[in-house]
Amino acid sequence: MKRGVKSALLITVGILIAFPIFSMTYYTMVRTSTPEFCSLCHEIRPAYMAWRTSTHANNAQGIVADCMDCHLPAPHDTVNFFYAKTLHGIKDVVSHFTGGDERYDRAVMRERVYATLDNSQCQKCHRNILYLPDNRGAMLAHRQVLYPRPGYGYRCTDCHSNLVHVDVTFYKYKQLSAPYRAPGL
């Protein structure tokens, strides 16, 4: 067999094998990246219900920030996204099948997640945090987050720790509520 024909045959076989594997992997990632899928585990169900009543899922603008938006790197950072999603998935499955629901303390888990949450996760959606013309104090506070002095760095969750995964018994519609005030440091 000639070298060119052999190379073409190997490339064709490689494509025929790689394409279905890539397609199945992508399909699996998309199907397992929904809040409804995350809530299938009974350990996560209370966090899902708290998220549903939060402003990240229920707001006047109709914008929804789901599990992936906060808990995983941006999908365009493909390698880190796949790595983090796989790591989270394995951890959750192992915890589910080894009795993790008995050791699952939501307050402890929330603090653990807040400790690892990077400001860039919030800034994927909240990009324009310096333009708040009606609230000079918030603009100055956000400047401390974006341009911290050495040793004085703040994280979004230092002030905004009560927005998501807080149990409420009813939907709080933004248009019917008082303006938001962060609890601060």
Protein backbone atom coordinates (compact mmCIF):
# COMPACT_ATOMS: atom_id res chain seq x y z
CA MET A 1 0.00 0.00 0.00
CA LYS A 2 1.32 3.42 -0.88
CA ARG A 3 2.24 5.80 1.89
CA GLY A 4 -0.33 8.47 0.84
CA VAL A 5 -3.20 5.97 0.73
CA LYS A 6 -2.20 4.51 4.11
CA SER A 7 -2.10 8.01 5.65
CA ALA A 8 -5.49 8.90 4.20
CA LEU A 9 -6.95 5.63 5.51
CA LEU A 10 -5.56 6.26 9.02
CA ILE A 11 -6.92 9.82 9.03
CA THR A 12 -10.34 8.61 7.90
CA VAL A 13 -10.45 5.89 10.56
CA GLY A 14 -9.30 8.43 13.17
CA ILE A 15 -12.08 10.82 12.21
CA LEU A 16 -14.66 8.04 12.20
CA ILE A 17 -13.63 7.07 15.74
CA ALA A 18 -12.95 10.56 17.16
CA PHE A 19 -16.13 12.26 15.93
CA PRO A 20 -18.60 9.95 17.74
CA ILE A 21 -16.48 10.04 20.92
CA PHE A 22 -16.30 13.83 20.84
CA SER A 23 -20.03 14.10 20.05
CA MET A 24 -21.01 11.78 22.92
CA THR A 25 -18.72 13.64 25.33
CA TYR A 26 -20.13 17.01 24.30
CA TYR A 27 -23.72 15.73 24.47
CA THR A 28 -23.09 14.33 27.96
CA MET A 29 -21.56 17.60 29.14
CA VAL A 30 -24.50 19.64 27.82
CA ARG A 31 -27.15 17.30 29.27
CA THR A 32 -25.48 17.21 32.70
CA SER A 33 -24.99 20.98 32.88
CA THR A 34 -28.54 21.98 33.77
CA PRO A 35 -29.81 22.94 37.22
CA GLU A 36 -32.48 20.27 36.90
CA PHE A 37 -29.81 17.60 36.44
CA CYS A 38 -27.84 18.92 39.42
CA SER A 39 -30.96 18.70 41.58
CA LEU A 40 -31.47 14.99 40.88
CA CYS A 41 -29.26 14.17 43.87
CA HIS A 42 -31.24 14.63 47.06
CA GLU A 43 -28.22 16.26 48.72
CA ILE A 44 -28.35 19.11 46.21
CA ARG A 45 -32.15 19.44 46.10
CA PRO A 46 -32.38 22.02 48.97
CA ALA A 47 -29.67 24.15 47.33
CA TYR A 48 -31.55 23.92 44.03
CA MET A 49 -34.81 25.02 45.66
CA ALA A 50 -33.06 27.95 47.36
CA TRP A 51 -31.50 28.93 44.01
CA ARG A 52 -34.94 28.84 42.33
CA THR A 53 -36.24 31.48 44.76
CA SER A 54 -33.11 33.64 44.51
CA THR A 55 -32.58 36.62 42.22
CA HIS A 56 -30.18 34.52 40.15
CA ALA A 57 -33.12 32.52 38.81
CA ASN A 58 -36.08 34.79 39.54
CA ASN A 59 -35.67 38.43 38.62
CA ALA A 60 -37.48 41.17 36.73
CA GLN A 61 -34.95 41.11 33.89
CA GLY A 62 -35.55 37.42 33.16
CA ILE A 63 -31.84 36.61 33.31
CA VAL A 64 -30.95 33.24 34.82
CA ALA A 65 -27.53 32.37 36.22
CA ASP A 66 -27.46 28.61 36.60
CA CYS A 67 -25.16 26.23 38.48
CA MET A 68 -22.43 26.27 35.85
CA ASP A 69 -22.22 30.05 35.73
CA CYS A 70 -21.04 30.27 39.34
CA HIS A 71 -19.55 26.88 40.14
CA LEU A 72 -17.49 26.20 36.99
CA PRO A 73 -15.04 28.14 34.83
CA ALA A 74 -16.37 29.71 31.65
CA PRO A 75 -17.03 27.10 28.93
CA HIS A 76 -14.73 28.88 26.48
CA ASP A 77 -11.88 27.90 28.83
CA THR A 78 -12.41 24.37 27.56
CA VAL A 79 -9.66 22.44 29.36
CA ASN A 80 -10.36 23.97 32.79
CA PHE A 81 -14.12 23.68 32.24
CA PHE A 82 -13.97 19.96 31.40
CA TYR A 83 -11.51 19.30 34.23
CA ALA A 84 -13.57 21.17 36.84
CA LYS A 85 -16.87 19.68 35.66
CA THR A 86 -15.46 16.16 35.72
CA LEU A 87 -13.92 16.70 39.16
CA HIS A 88 -17.18 18.12 40.58
CA GLY A 89 -19.19 15.31 39.01
CA ILE A 90 -16.98 12.54 40.39
CA LYS A 91 -16.98 14.16 43.84
CA ASP A 92 -20.77 14.48 43.85
CA VAL A 93 -21.36 10.90 42.64
CA VAL A 94 -18.94 9.44 45.18
CA SER A 95 -20.51 11.51 47.95
CA HIS A 96 -23.99 10.44 46.89
CA PHE A 97 -23.20 6.74 46.91
CA THR A 98 -21.07 6.74 50.07
CA GLY A 99 -23.63 8.37 52.34
CA GLY A 100 -22.71 11.97 51.65
CA ASP A 101 -26.25 13.09 52.43
CA GLU A 102 -25.71 12.29 56.10
CA ARG A 103 -22.56 14.42 56.25
CA TYR A 104 -23.87 17.20 53.99
CA ASP A 105 -24.20 20.40 56.00
CA ARG A 106 -25.38 23.24 53.76
CA ALA A 107 -23.94 26.01 55.91
CA VAL A 108 -20.50 24.39 55.94
CA MET A 109 -20.66 23.65 52.22
CA ARG A 110 -21.70 27.21 51.41
CA GLU A 111 -18.75 28.63 53.34
CA ARG A 112 -16.41 26.16 51.65
CA VAL A 113 -17.67 27.17 48.20
CA TYR A 114 -17.49 30.88 49.05
CA ALA A 115 -13.87 30.38 50.15
CA THR A 116 -12.98 28.95 46.73
CA LEU A 117 -15.15 31.22 44.58
CA ASP A 118 -13.07 33.63 42.58
CA ASN A 119 -14.27 37.14 41.72
CA SER A 120 -13.96 36.30 38.04
CA GLN A 121 -16.84 33.83 38.46
CA CYS A 122 -19.16 36.68 39.45
CA GLN A 123 -17.70 39.05 36.88
CA LYS A 124 -18.61 36.71 34.03
CA CYS A 125 -22.10 38.21 34.36
CA HIS A 126 -21.56 41.30 36.51
CA ARG A 127 -19.12 43.18 34.29
CA ASN A 128 -20.27 46.75 34.75
CA ILE A 129 -20.05 47.00 38.54
CA LEU A 130 -18.38 50.42 38.58
CA TYR A 131 -21.29 52.19 36.91
CA LEU A 132 -23.87 52.63 39.65
CA PRO A 133 -24.75 56.33 39.39
CA ASP A 134 -27.43 56.17 42.09
CA ASN A 135 -25.14 54.55 44.66
CA ARG A 136 -21.73 56.14 45.12
CA GLY A 137 -20.93 53.90 48.10
CA ALA A 138 -21.40 50.76 46.01
CA MET A 139 -19.22 52.19 43.24
CA LEU A 140 -16.42 52.85 45.74
CA ALA A 141 -16.82 49.40 47.31
CA HIS A 142 -16.61 47.75 43.90
CA ARG A 143 -13.49 49.75 43.11
CA GLN A 144 -11.91 48.09 46.17
CA VAL A 145 -12.70 44.71 44.61
CA LEU A 146 -11.44 45.51 41.12
CA TYR A 147 -8.41 47.59 42.10
CA PRO A 148 -7.42 46.48 45.62
CA ARG A 149 -4.58 48.02 47.53
CA PRO A 150 -1.93 45.48 48.55
CA GLY A 151 -3.25 43.46 51.47
CA TYR A 152 -6.78 44.85 51.18
CA GLY A 153 -8.28 42.63 48.52
CA TYR A 154 -11.97 41.87 48.81
CA ARG A 155 -14.05 39.18 47.26
CA CYS A 156 -17.59 39.51 45.94
CA THR A 157 -18.87 37.07 48.56
CA ASP A 158 -17.51 39.21 51.39
CA CYS A 159 -20.45 41.55 50.86
CA HIS A 160 -22.85 39.50 48.75
CA SER A 161 -23.11 36.27 50.72
CA ASN A 162 -26.88 36.32 51.06
CA LEU A 163 -28.00 36.30 47.42
CA VAL A 164 -28.12 32.63 46.48
CA HIS A 165 -28.67 29.37 48.37
CA VAL A 166 -30.42 31.07 51.26
CA ASP A 167 -33.66 29.40 52.27
CA VAL A 168 -36.76 31.50 51.72
CA THR A 169 -40.33 30.30 51.74
CA PHE A 170 -41.54 32.52 48.91
CA TYR A 171 -40.38 34.20 45.73
CA LYS A 172 -39.07 37.71 46.28
CA TYR A 173 -39.98 39.70 43.20
CA LYS A 174 -37.51 42.51 42.69
CA GLN A 175 -40.11 45.01 41.52
CA LEU A 176 -42.07 44.51 44.77
CA SER A 177 -39.04 44.66 47.10
CA ALA A 178 -37.00 47.43 48.60
CA PRO A 179 -33.72 48.19 46.80
CA TYR A 180 -30.97 45.66 47.51
CA ARG A 181 -28.42 46.50 50.17
CA ALA A 182 -25.43 44.23 50.59
CA PRO A 183 -24.86 43.21 54.20
CA GLY A 184 -21.24 44.34 53.82
CA LEU A 185 -18.18 43.26 55.68
